[in-house]
Amino acid sequence: MIFNAIIEQDEYGYFAKIPELEGCVSQGETYEEVLKNIKEALELYIESLSQEEKRELLKRKVVTVTPLEVELKVAN
């Protein structure tokens, strides 16, 4: 199954969350570390689900995240 991870960077490192799974979050000092950590968090989250919750998870619709470019106009 494919999930989307939203990764944000701030002055402390990186933060990641899986929007489809409330509370499935992680962090890391580097981008590579946060990817590894969020994948592990995702696997543990799914492992903790009951069989019924796993069946419901399979029924969920696919969500796609894509970047959109817009022009940012700033007044002088």
PDB file of N, CA and C in Angstrom:
ATOM      1  N   MET A   1       0.840  -1.173   0.000  1.00  0.00           N
ATOM      2  CA  MET A   1       0.000   0.000   0.000  1.00  0.00           C
ATOM      3  C   MET A   1       0.885   1.237   0.000  1.00  0.00           C
ATOM      4  N   ILE A   2       0.470   2.254  -0.689  1.00  0.00           N
ATOM      5  CA  ILE A   2       1.235   3.494  -0.765  1.00  0.00           C
ATOM      6  C   ILE A   2       0.554   4.562   0.081  1.00  0.00           C
ATOM      7  N   PHE A   3       1.343   5.250   0.877  1.00  0.00           N
ATOM      8  CA  PHE A   3       0.873   6.364   1.691  1.00  0.00           C
ATOM      9  C   PHE A   3       1.668   7.606   1.328  1.00  0.00           C
ATOM     10  N   ASN A   4       1.090   8.752   1.590  1.00  0.00           N
ATOM     11  CA  ASN A   4       1.775  10.022   1.368  1.00  0.00           C
ATOM     12  C   ASN A   4       2.401  10.487   2.675  1.00  0.00           C
ATOM     13  N   ALA A   5       3.611  10.981   2.590  1.00  0.00           N
ATOM     14  CA  ALA A   5       4.271  11.576   3.748  1.00  0.00           C
ATOM     15  C   ALA A   5       4.470  13.056   3.449  1.00  0.00           C
ATOM     16  N   ILE A   6       4.067  13.890   4.381  1.00  0.00           N
ATOM     17  CA  ILE A   6       4.320  15.323   4.275  1.00  0.00           C
ATOM     18  C   ILE A   6       5.525  15.610   5.150  1.00  0.00           C
ATOM     19  N   ILE A   7       6.545  16.191   4.555  1.00  0.00           N
ATOM     20  CA  ILE A   7       7.794  16.459   5.260  1.00  0.00           C
ATOM     21  C   ILE A   7       8.051  17.953   5.240  1.00  0.00           C
ATOM     22  N   GLU A   8       8.296  18.480   6.432  1.00  0.00           N
ATOM     23  CA  GLU A   8       8.572  19.907   6.572  1.00  0.00           C
ATOM     24  C   GLU A   8       9.922  20.086   7.253  1.00  0.00           C
ATOM     25  N   GLN A   9      10.630  21.125   6.854  1.00  0.00           N
ATOM     26  CA  GLN A   9      11.910  21.440   7.464  1.00  0.00           C
ATOM     27  C   GLN A   9      11.786  22.724   8.276  1.00  0.00           C
ATOM     28  N   ASP A  10      12.404  22.727   9.452  1.00  0.00           N
ATOM     29  CA  ASP A  10      12.488  23.947  10.240  1.00  0.00           C
ATOM     30  C   ASP A  10      13.902  24.061  10.796  1.00  0.00           C
ATOM     31  N   GLU A  11      14.116  24.978  11.715  1.00  0.00           N
ATOM     32  CA  GLU A  11      15.465  25.207  12.221  1.00  0.00           C
ATOM     33  C   GLU A  11      15.992  24.045  13.063  1.00  0.00           C
ATOM     34  N   TYR A  12      15.132  23.103  13.448  1.00  0.00           N
ATOM     35  CA  TYR A  12      15.537  21.976  14.283  1.00  0.00           C
ATOM     36  C   TYR A  12      15.745  20.681  13.499  1.00  0.00           C
ATOM     37  N   GLY A  13      15.379  20.662  12.245  1.00  0.00           N
ATOM     38  CA  GLY A  13      15.508  19.454  11.435  1.00  0.00           C
ATOM     39  C   GLY A  13      14.266  19.250  10.592  1.00  0.00           C
ATOM     40  N   TYR A  14      13.792  18.016  10.527  1.00  0.00           N
ATOM     41  CA  TYR A  14      12.664  17.660   9.669  1.00  0.00           C
ATOM     42  C   TYR A  14      11.565  16.998  10.491  1.00  0.00           C
ATOM     43  N   PHE A  15      10.334  17.255  10.083  1.00  0.00           N
ATOM     44  CA  PHE A  15       9.138  16.681  10.710  1.00  0.00           C
ATOM     45  C   PHE A  15       8.318  16.035   9.601  1.00  0.00           C
ATOM     46  N   ALA A  16       7.808  14.831   9.854  1.00  0.00           N
ATOM     47  CA  ALA A  16       7.014  14.123   8.843  1.00  0.00           C
ATOM     48  C   ALA A  16       5.725  13.616   9.454  1.00  0.00           C
ATOM     49  N   LYS A  17       4.690  13.579   8.625  1.00  0.00           N
ATOM     50  CA  LYS A  17       3.411  13.012   9.055  1.00  0.00           C
ATOM     51  C   LYS A  17       2.754  12.309   7.881  1.00  0.00           C
ATOM     52  N   ILE A  18       1.935  11.332   8.207  1.00  0.00           N
ATOM     53  CA  ILE A  18       1.132  10.615   7.214  1.00  0.00           C
ATOM     54  C   ILE A  18      -0.288  11.137   7.380  1.00  0.00           C
ATOM     55  N   PRO A  19      -0.775  11.987   6.468  1.00  0.00           N
ATOM     56  CA  PRO A  19      -2.082  12.612   6.672  1.00  0.00           C
ATOM     57  C   PRO A  19      -3.246  11.637   6.733  1.00  0.00           C
ATOM     58  N   GLU A  20      -3.124  10.492   6.103  1.00  0.00           N
ATOM     59  CA  GLU A  20      -4.210   9.510   6.119  1.00  0.00           C
ATOM     60  C   GLU A  20      -4.338   8.803   7.471  1.00  0.00           C
ATOM     61  N   LEU A  21      -3.300   8.870   8.301  1.00  0.00           N
ATOM     62  CA  LEU A  21      -3.273   8.150   9.574  1.00  0.00           C
ATOM     63  C   LEU A  21      -3.011   9.127  10.713  1.00  0.00           C
ATOM     64  N   GLU A  22      -4.069   9.526  11.382  1.00  0.00           N
ATOM     65  CA  GLU A  22      -3.958  10.514  12.447  1.00  0.00           C
ATOM     66  C   GLU A  22      -2.977  10.054  13.520  1.00  0.00           C
ATOM     67  N   GLY A  23      -2.016  10.914  13.817  1.00  0.00           N
ATOM     68  CA  GLY A  23      -1.035  10.616  14.851  1.00  0.00           C
ATOM     69  C   GLY A  23       0.195   9.882  14.373  1.00  0.00           C
ATOM     70  N   CYS A  24       0.256   9.542  13.098  1.00  0.00           N
ATOM     71  CA  CYS A  24       1.438   8.871  12.555  1.00  0.00           C
ATOM     72  C   CYS A  24       2.434   9.948  12.136  1.00  0.00           C
ATOM     73  N   VAL A  25       3.375  10.243  13.031  1.00  0.00           N
ATOM     74  CA  VAL A  25       4.342  11.321  12.817  1.00  0.00           C
ATOM     75  C   VAL A  25       5.730  10.855  13.233  1.00  0.00           C
ATOM     76  N   SER A  26       6.740  11.583  12.764  1.00  0.00           N
ATOM     77  CA  SER A  26       8.113  11.316  13.170  1.00  0.00           C
ATOM     78  C   SER A  26       8.957  12.544  12.871  1.00  0.00           C
ATOM     79  N   GLN A  27      10.218  12.465  13.250  1.00  0.00           N
ATOM     80  CA  GLN A  27      11.140  13.565  12.983  1.00  0.00           C
ATOM     81  C   GLN A  27      12.534  13.020  12.746  1.00  0.00           C
ATOM     82  N   GLY A  28      13.420  13.881  12.296  1.00  0.00           N
ATOM     83  CA  GLY A  28      14.809  13.500  12.075  1.00  0.00           C
ATOM     84  C   GLY A  28      15.662  14.729  11.834  1.00  0.00           C
ATOM     85  N   GLU A  29      16.952  14.591  12.039  1.00  0.00           N
ATOM     86  CA  GLU A  29      17.863  15.709  11.823  1.00  0.00           C
ATOM     87  C   GLU A  29      18.127  15.961  10.346  1.00  0.00           C
ATOM     88  N   THR A  30      18.057  14.907   9.520  1.00  0.00           N
ATOM     89  CA  THR A  30      18.279  15.035   8.081  1.00  0.00           C
ATOM     90  C   THR A  30      17.059  14.516   7.325  1.00  0.00           C
ATOM     91  N   TYR A  31      16.984  14.847   6.040  1.00  0.00           N
ATOM     92  CA  TYR A  31      15.883  14.370   5.205  1.00  0.00           C
ATOM     93  C   TYR A  31      15.890  12.844   5.140  1.00  0.00           C
ATOM     94  N   GLU A  32      17.068  12.272   4.971  1.00  0.00           N
ATOM     95  CA  GLU A  32      17.182  10.815   4.891  1.00  0.00           C
ATOM     96  C   GLU A  32      16.738  10.156   6.192  1.00  0.00           C
ATOM     97  N   GLU A  33      17.105  10.769   7.322  1.00  0.00           N
ATOM     98  CA  GLU A  33      16.727  10.215   8.616  1.00  0.00           C
ATOM     99  C   GLU A  33      15.215  10.284   8.833  1.00  0.00           C
ATOM    100  N   VAL A  34      14.597  11.409   8.475  1.00  0.00           N
ATOM    101  CA  VAL A  34      13.152  11.518   8.669  1.00  0.00           C
ATOM    102  C   VAL A  34      12.404  10.546   7.755  1.00  0.00           C
ATOM    103  N   LEU A  35      12.904  10.296   6.556  1.00  0.00           N
ATOM    104  CA  LEU A  35      12.271   9.301   5.677  1.00  0.00           C
ATOM    105  C   LEU A  35      12.324   7.920   6.305  1.00  0.00           C
ATOM    106  N   LYS A  36      13.473   7.553   6.824  1.00  0.00           N
ATOM    107  CA  LYS A  36      13.631   6.257   7.486  1.00  0.00           C
ATOM    108  C   LYS A  36      12.712   6.176   8.703  1.00  0.00           C
ATOM    109  N   ASN A  37      12.666   7.238   9.489  1.00  0.00           N
ATOM    110  CA  ASN A  37      11.868   7.237  10.715  1.00  0.00           C
ATOM    111  C   ASN A  37      10.367   7.198  10.440  1.00  0.00           C
ATOM    112  N   ILE A  38       9.895   7.934   9.424  1.00  0.00           N
ATOM    113  CA  ILE A  38       8.457   7.940   9.154  1.00  0.00           C
ATOM    114  C   ILE A  38       8.019   6.596   8.564  1.00  0.00           C
ATOM    115  N   LYS A  39       8.887   5.968   7.802  1.00  0.00           N
ATOM    116  CA  LYS A  39       8.551   4.639   7.272  1.00  0.00           C
ATOM    117  C   LYS A  39       8.424   3.645   8.426  1.00  0.00           C
ATOM    118  N   GLU A  40       9.333   3.713   9.382  1.00  0.00           N
ATOM    119  CA  GLU A  40       9.258   2.835  10.542  1.00  0.00           C
ATOM    120  C   GLU A  40       7.998   3.131  11.358  1.00  0.00           C
ATOM    121  N   ALA A  41       7.683   4.414  11.549  1.00  0.00           N
ATOM    122  CA  ALA A  41       6.472   4.797  12.280  1.00  0.00           C
ATOM    123  C   ALA A  41       5.227   4.266  11.573  1.00  0.00           C
ATOM    124  N   LEU A  42       5.204   4.361  10.241  1.00  0.00           N
ATOM    125  CA  LEU A  42       4.081   3.860   9.448  1.00  0.00           C
ATOM    126  C   LEU A  42       3.919   2.357   9.623  1.00  0.00           C
ATOM    127  N   GLU A  43       5.014   1.625   9.542  1.00  0.00           N
ATOM    128  CA  GLU A  43       4.963   0.173   9.698  1.00  0.00           C
ATOM    129  C   GLU A  43       4.459  -0.212  11.090  1.00  0.00           C
ATOM    130  N   LEU A  44       4.946   0.485  12.130  1.00  0.00           N
ATOM    131  CA  LEU A  44       4.502   0.199  13.488  1.00  0.00           C
ATOM    132  C   LEU A  44       3.033   0.562  13.688  1.00  0.00           C
ATOM    133  N   TYR A  45       2.606   1.667  13.081  1.00  0.00           N
ATOM    134  CA  TYR A  45       1.207   2.096  13.169  1.00  0.00           C
ATOM    135  C   TYR A  45       0.302   1.016  12.586  1.00  0.00           C
ATOM    136  N   ILE A  46       0.634   0.551  11.393  1.00  0.00           N
ATOM    137  CA  ILE A  46      -0.192  -0.471  10.728  1.00  0.00           C
ATOM    138  C   ILE A  46      -0.172  -1.770  11.520  1.00  0.00           C
ATOM    139  N   GLU A  47       1.002  -2.125  12.050  1.00  0.00           N
ATOM    140  CA  GLU A  47       1.116  -3.344  12.844  1.00  0.00           C
ATOM    141  C   GLU A  47       0.216  -3.304  14.083  1.00  0.00           C
ATOM    142  N   SER A  48      -0.008  -2.112  14.625  1.00  0.00           N
ATOM    143  CA  SER A  48      -0.808  -1.975  15.841  1.00  0.00           C
ATOM    144  C   SER A  48      -2.320  -2.039  15.584  1.00  0.00           C
ATOM    145  N   LEU A  49      -2.729  -1.972  14.327  1.00  0.00           N
ATOM    146  CA  LEU A  49      -4.150  -1.972  14.002  1.00  0.00           C
ATOM    147  C   LEU A  49      -4.766  -3.361  14.143  1.00  0.00           C
ATOM    148  N   SER A  50      -6.040  -3.395  14.466  1.00  0.00           N
ATOM    149  CA  SER A  50      -6.770  -4.666  14.485  1.00  0.00           C
ATOM    150  C   SER A  50      -7.029  -5.100  13.039  1.00  0.00           C
ATOM    151  N   GLN A  51      -7.460  -6.334  12.873  1.00  0.00           N
ATOM    152  CA  GLN A  51      -7.751  -6.836  11.524  1.00  0.00           C
ATOM    153  C   GLN A  51      -8.868  -6.015  10.875  1.00  0.00           C
ATOM    154  N   GLU A  52      -9.873  -5.652  11.649  1.00  0.00           N
ATOM    155  CA  GLU A  52     -10.974  -4.837  11.113  1.00  0.00           C
ATOM    156  C   GLU A  52     -10.467  -3.463  10.674  1.00  0.00           C
ATOM    157  N   GLU A  53      -9.602  -2.855  11.470  1.00  0.00           N
ATOM    158  CA  GLU A  53      -9.035  -1.548  11.109  1.00  0.00           C
ATOM    159  C   GLU A  53      -8.186  -1.650   9.845  1.00  0.00           C
ATOM    160  N   LYS A  54      -7.481  -2.754   9.690  1.00  0.00           N
ATOM    161  CA  LYS A  54      -6.679  -2.969   8.472  1.00  0.00           C
ATOM    162  C   LYS A  54      -7.583  -3.112   7.251  1.00  0.00           C
ATOM    163  N   ARG A  55      -8.703  -3.822   7.411  1.00  0.00           N
ATOM    164  CA  ARG A  55      -9.649  -3.957   6.294  1.00  0.00           C
ATOM    165  C   ARG A  55     -10.210  -2.591   5.908  1.00  0.00           C
ATOM    166  N   GLU A  56     -10.547  -1.783   6.900  1.00  0.00           N
ATOM    167  CA  GLU A  56     -11.058  -0.438   6.627  1.00  0.00           C
ATOM    168  C   GLU A  56     -10.000   0.421   5.929  1.00  0.00           C
ATOM    169  N   LEU A  57      -8.767   0.253   6.319  1.00  0.00           N
ATOM    170  CA  LEU A  57      -7.670   1.001   5.711  1.00  0.00           C
ATOM    171  C   LEU A  57      -7.560   0.672   4.226  1.00  0.00           C
ATOM    172  N   LEU A  58      -7.770  -0.582   3.870  1.00  0.00           N
ATOM    173  CA  LEU A  58      -7.697  -0.998   2.472  1.00  0.00           C
ATOM    174  C   LEU A  58      -8.825  -0.407   1.631  1.00  0.00           C
ATOM    175  N   LYS A  59      -9.936  -0.062   2.264  1.00  0.00           N
ATOM    176  CA  LYS A  59     -11.078   0.506   1.550  1.00  0.00           C
ATOM    177  C   LYS A  59     -10.923   1.997   1.261  1.00  0.00           C
ATOM    178  N   ARG A  60      -9.993   2.649   1.922  1.00  0.00           N
ATOM    179  CA  ARG A  60      -9.855   4.100   1.766  1.00  0.00           C
ATOM    180  C   ARG A  60      -9.434   4.456   0.346  1.00  0.00           C
ATOM    181  N   LYS A  61      -9.871   5.608  -0.061  1.00  0.00           N
ATOM    182  CA  LYS A  61      -9.529   6.066  -1.403  1.00  0.00           C
ATOM    183  C   LYS A  61      -8.066   6.489  -1.463  1.00  0.00           C
ATOM    184  N   VAL A  62      -7.529   6.471  -2.648  1.00  0.00           N
ATOM    185  CA  VAL A  62      -6.149   6.891  -2.881  1.00  0.00           C
ATOM    186  C   VAL A  62      -6.092   8.413  -2.903  1.00  0.00           C
ATOM    187  N   VAL A  63      -5.139   8.963  -2.188  1.00  0.00           N
ATOM    188  CA  VAL A  63      -4.928  10.406  -2.156  1.00  0.00           C
ATOM    189  C   VAL A  63      -3.598  10.701  -2.819  1.00  0.00           C
ATOM    190  N   THR A  64      -3.591  11.664  -3.715  1.00  0.00           N
ATOM    191  CA  THR A  64      -2.361  12.054  -4.384  1.00  0.00           C
ATOM    192  C   THR A  64      -2.021  13.481  -4.002  1.00  0.00           C
ATOM    193  N   VAL A  65      -0.751  13.691  -3.670  1.00  0.00           N
ATOM    194  CA  VAL A  65      -0.266  15.025  -3.361  1.00  0.00           C
ATOM    195  C   VAL A  65       0.632  15.454  -4.511  1.00  0.00           C
ATOM    196  N   THR A  66       0.370  16.632  -5.045  1.00  0.00           N
ATOM    197  CA  THR A  66       1.175  17.125  -6.158  1.00  0.00           C
ATOM    198  C   THR A  66       1.477  18.602  -5.951  1.00  0.00           C
ATOM    199  N   PRO A  67       2.671  19.042  -6.314  1.00  0.00           N
ATOM    200  CA  PRO A  67       2.979  20.463  -6.166  1.00  0.00           C
ATOM    201  C   PRO A  67       2.246  21.293  -7.223  1.00  0.00           C
ATOM    202  N   LEU A  68       1.835  22.479  -6.830  1.00  0.00           N
ATOM    203  CA  LEU A  68       1.200  23.436  -7.743  1.00  0.00           C
ATOM    204  C   LEU A  68       1.997  24.725  -7.714  1.00  0.00           C
ATOM    205  N   GLU A  69       2.252  25.282  -8.861  1.00  0.00           N
ATOM    206  CA  GLU A  69       3.010  26.523  -8.944  1.00  0.00           C
ATOM    207  C   GLU A  69       2.066  27.677  -9.226  1.00  0.00           C
ATOM    208  N   VAL A  70       2.186  28.715  -8.441  1.00  0.00           N
ATOM    209  CA  VAL A  70       1.411  29.935  -8.660  1.00  0.00           C
ATOM    210  C   VAL A  70       2.351  31.126  -8.530  1.00  0.00           C
ATOM    211  N   GLU A  71       1.969  32.211  -9.155  1.00  0.00           N
ATOM    212  CA  GLU A  71       2.777  33.420  -9.068  1.00  0.00           C
ATOM    213  C   GLU A  71       2.427  34.149  -7.774  1.00  0.00           C
ATOM    214  N   LEU A  72       3.446  34.515  -7.030  1.00  0.00           N
ATOM    215  CA  LEU A  72       3.252  35.229  -5.769  1.00  0.00           C
ATOM    216  C   LEU A  72       3.525  36.705  -6.024  1.00  0.00           C
ATOM    217  N   LYS A  73       2.480  37.506  -5.886  1.00  0.00           N
ATOM    218  CA  LYS A  73       2.614  38.944  -6.100  1.00  0.00           C
ATOM    219  C   LYS A  73       2.735  39.624  -4.755  1.00  0.00           C
ATOM    220  N   VAL A  74       3.784  40.403  -4.582  1.00  0.00           N
ATOM    221  CA  VAL A  74       4.016  41.108  -3.339  1.00  0.00           C
ATOM    222  C   VAL A  74       3.959  42.592  -3.612  1.00  0.00           C
ATOM    223  N   ALA A  75       3.135  43.303  -2.845  1.00  0.00           N
ATOM    224  CA  ALA A  75       3.022  44.756  -3.022  1.00  0.00           C
ATOM    225  C   ALA A  75       4.257  45.443  -2.472  1.00  0.00           C
ATOM    226  N   ASN A  76       4.693  46.500  -3.143  1.00  0.00           N
ATOM    227  CA  ASN A  76       5.877  47.229  -2.701  1.00  0.00           C
ATOM    228  C   ASN A  76       5.540  48.229  -1.635  1.00  0.00           C
TER     229      ASN A  76
END
